[in-house]
Amino acid sequence: MTAPQLAPNDFGAFFRAVHGVDPFPWQARLLKQIAAKGIWPDVLDLPTGSGKTASLDIAVFHLALEATRGQQRWAPVRIAFIVDRRLVVDDAF
């Protein structure tokens, strides 16, 4: 017996299981965009507290979506999360 295949619409349930809350609408839209096209935006330019850190959850979920694709996988296995600390400090101040 094989495990059921994940689908982009399963992201909300995954996010709730991990964080106990629903994803923000932009997070769900980003996952659907990445799942459909395999392309991340160059920058996530959002205010402090808007859930940017959850982009790591989006990356992990995208990789899980493509677990059975083998060499046809779009999802990267390495993820870089870079934050300009000066901007964060200025924004928080």
C-alpha atoms as a PDB file:
ATOM      1  CA  MET A   1       0.000   0.000   0.000  1.00  0.00           C
ATOM      2  CA  THR A   2       1.399   3.409  -0.973  1.00  0.00           C
ATOM      3  CA  ALA A   3       1.015   6.638   0.933  1.00  0.00           C
ATOM      4  CA  PRO A   4      -1.429   9.171  -0.501  1.00  0.00           C
ATOM      5  CA  GLN A   5       0.177  11.775  -2.756  1.00  0.00           C
ATOM      6  CA  LEU A   6       0.377  15.315  -1.392  1.00  0.00           C
ATOM      7  CA  ALA A   7      -1.237  18.154  -3.327  1.00  0.00           C
ATOM      8  CA  PRO A   8      -0.758  21.935  -3.089  1.00  0.00           C
ATOM      9  CA  ASN A   9      -4.201  22.219  -1.443  1.00  0.00           C
ATOM     10  CA  ASP A  10      -2.847  20.166   1.495  1.00  0.00           C
ATOM     11  CA  PHE A  11      -0.559  23.052   2.500  1.00  0.00           C
ATOM     12  CA  GLY A  12      -3.127  24.627   4.847  1.00  0.00           C
ATOM     13  CA  ALA A  13      -3.521  21.409   6.830  1.00  0.00           C
ATOM     14  CA  PHE A  14       0.263  20.955   6.972  1.00  0.00           C
ATOM     15  CA  PHE A  15       0.754  24.528   8.171  1.00  0.00           C
ATOM     16  CA  ARG A  16      -1.973  24.164  10.844  1.00  0.00           C
ATOM     17  CA  ALA A  17      -0.386  20.923  12.065  1.00  0.00           C
ATOM     18  CA  VAL A  18       3.021  22.614  12.407  1.00  0.00           C
ATOM     19  CA  HIS A  19       1.988  26.058  13.710  1.00  0.00           C
ATOM     20  CA  GLY A  20      -1.544  25.663  15.064  1.00  0.00           C
ATOM     21  CA  VAL A  21      -2.857  28.465  12.836  1.00  0.00           C
ATOM     22  CA  ASP A  22      -3.817  28.881   9.200  1.00  0.00           C
ATOM     23  CA  PRO A  23      -1.217  30.245   6.798  1.00  0.00           C
ATOM     24  CA  PHE A  24      -1.523  33.848   5.707  1.00  0.00           C
ATOM     25  CA  PRO A  25      -3.120  34.157   2.250  1.00  0.00           C
ATOM     26  CA  TRP A  26       0.205  35.270   0.721  1.00  0.00           C
ATOM     27  CA  GLN A  27       1.873  32.100   2.053  1.00  0.00           C
ATOM     28  CA  ALA A  28      -0.735  29.834   0.467  1.00  0.00           C
ATOM     29  CA  ARG A  29      -0.507  31.790  -2.824  1.00  0.00           C
ATOM     30  CA  LEU A  30       3.288  31.527  -2.808  1.00  0.00           C
ATOM     31  CA  LEU A  31       3.164  27.763  -2.311  1.00  0.00           C
ATOM     32  CA  LYS A  32       0.680  27.378  -5.195  1.00  0.00           C
ATOM     33  CA  GLN A  33       2.846  29.561  -7.442  1.00  0.00           C
ATOM     34  CA  ILE A  34       5.984  27.610  -6.623  1.00  0.00           C
ATOM     35  CA  ALA A  35       4.238  24.257  -7.021  1.00  0.00           C
ATOM     36  CA  ALA A  36       2.849  25.300 -10.428  1.00  0.00           C
ATOM     37  CA  LYS A  37       5.943  26.965 -11.887  1.00  0.00           C
ATOM     38  CA  GLY A  38       8.861  25.829  -9.739  1.00  0.00           C
ATOM     39  CA  ILE A  39      10.083  29.427  -9.500  1.00  0.00           C
ATOM     40  CA  TRP A  40      10.645  31.430  -6.323  1.00  0.00           C
ATOM     41  CA  PRO A  41      10.509  35.223  -6.292  1.00  0.00           C
ATOM     42  CA  ASP A  42      13.921  36.860  -6.076  1.00  0.00           C
ATOM     43  CA  VAL A  43      12.994  38.614  -2.807  1.00  0.00           C
ATOM     44  CA  LEU A  44      10.241  38.375  -0.207  1.00  0.00           C
ATOM     45  CA  ASP A  45       9.893  42.030   0.768  1.00  0.00           C
ATOM     46  CA  LEU A  46       7.366  41.973   3.586  1.00  0.00           C
ATOM     47  CA  PRO A  47       7.110  43.786   6.927  1.00  0.00           C
ATOM     48  CA  THR A  48       8.316  42.327  10.199  1.00  0.00           C
ATOM     49  CA  GLY A  49       5.742  39.921  11.641  1.00  0.00           C
ATOM     50  CA  SER A  50       4.173  39.015   8.296  1.00  0.00           C
ATOM     51  CA  GLY A  51       5.373  35.394   8.346  1.00  0.00           C
ATOM     52  CA  LYS A  52       8.455  35.437   6.106  1.00  0.00           C
ATOM     53  CA  THR A  53      10.158  32.759   8.212  1.00  0.00           C
ATOM     54  CA  ALA A  54       7.391  30.353   7.190  1.00  0.00           C
ATOM     55  CA  SER A  55       8.837  30.472   3.683  1.00  0.00           C
ATOM     56  CA  LEU A  56      11.056  27.687   5.033  1.00  0.00           C
ATOM     57  CA  ASP A  57       7.885  25.640   5.646  1.00  0.00           C
ATOM     58  CA  ILE A  58       6.829  26.406   2.072  1.00  0.00           C
ATOM     59  CA  ALA A  59      10.185  25.158   0.772  1.00  0.00           C
ATOM     60  CA  VAL A  60       9.964  21.940   2.801  1.00  0.00           C
ATOM     61  CA  PHE A  61       6.370  21.328   1.690  1.00  0.00           C
ATOM     62  CA  HIS A  62       7.327  21.953  -1.949  1.00  0.00           C
ATOM     63  CA  LEU A  63      10.110  19.390  -1.650  1.00  0.00           C
ATOM     64  CA  ALA A  64       7.639  16.897  -0.165  1.00  0.00           C
ATOM     65  CA  LEU A  65       5.253  17.554  -3.071  1.00  0.00           C
ATOM     66  CA  GLU A  66       7.981  16.532  -5.471  1.00  0.00           C
ATOM     67  CA  ALA A  67       9.389  13.598  -3.506  1.00  0.00           C
ATOM     68  CA  THR A  68       8.398  11.093  -6.183  1.00  0.00           C
ATOM     69  CA  ARG A  69       9.609  13.091  -9.210  1.00  0.00           C
ATOM     70  CA  GLY A  70      13.240  11.966  -9.017  1.00  0.00           C
ATOM     71  CA  GLN A  71      15.414  13.808 -11.556  1.00  0.00           C
ATOM     72  CA  GLN A  72      12.378  15.803 -12.736  1.00  0.00           C
ATOM     73  CA  ARG A  73      12.170  17.554  -9.360  1.00  0.00           C
ATOM     74  CA  TRP A  74      12.004  21.379  -9.405  1.00  0.00           C
ATOM     75  CA  ALA A  75      12.281  21.781  -5.630  1.00  0.00           C
ATOM     76  CA  PRO A  76      15.798  22.507  -4.405  1.00  0.00           C
ATOM     77  CA  VAL A  77      17.258  20.489  -1.556  1.00  0.00           C
ATOM     78  CA  ARG A  78      19.267  23.473  -0.305  1.00  0.00           C
ATOM     79  CA  ILE A  79      17.577  26.592   0.972  1.00  0.00           C
ATOM     80  CA  ALA A  80      19.219  29.902   1.840  1.00  0.00           C
ATOM     81  CA  PHE A  81      17.353  32.261   4.154  1.00  0.00           C
ATOM     82  CA  ILE A  82      19.144  35.615   4.221  1.00  0.00           C
ATOM     83  CA  VAL A  83      18.017  38.543   6.331  1.00  0.00           C
ATOM     84  CA  ASP A  84      19.422  42.058   6.277  1.00  0.00           C
ATOM     85  CA  ARG A  85      19.660  42.526  10.044  1.00  0.00           C
ATOM     86  CA  ARG A  86      20.025  46.298   9.760  1.00  0.00           C
ATOM     87  CA  LEU A  87      16.647  46.532   8.027  1.00  0.00           C
ATOM     88  CA  VAL A  88      15.035  44.300  10.656  1.00  0.00           C
ATOM     89  CA  VAL A  89      16.444  46.405  13.491  1.00  0.00           C
ATOM     90  CA  ASP A  90      15.364  49.646  11.806  1.00  0.00           C
ATOM     91  CA  ASP A  91      11.893  48.256  11.126  1.00  0.00           C
ATOM     92  CA  ALA A  92      11.495  47.046  14.716  1.00  0.00           C
ATOM     93  CA  PHE A  93      12.711  50.390  16.079  1.00  0.00           C
END
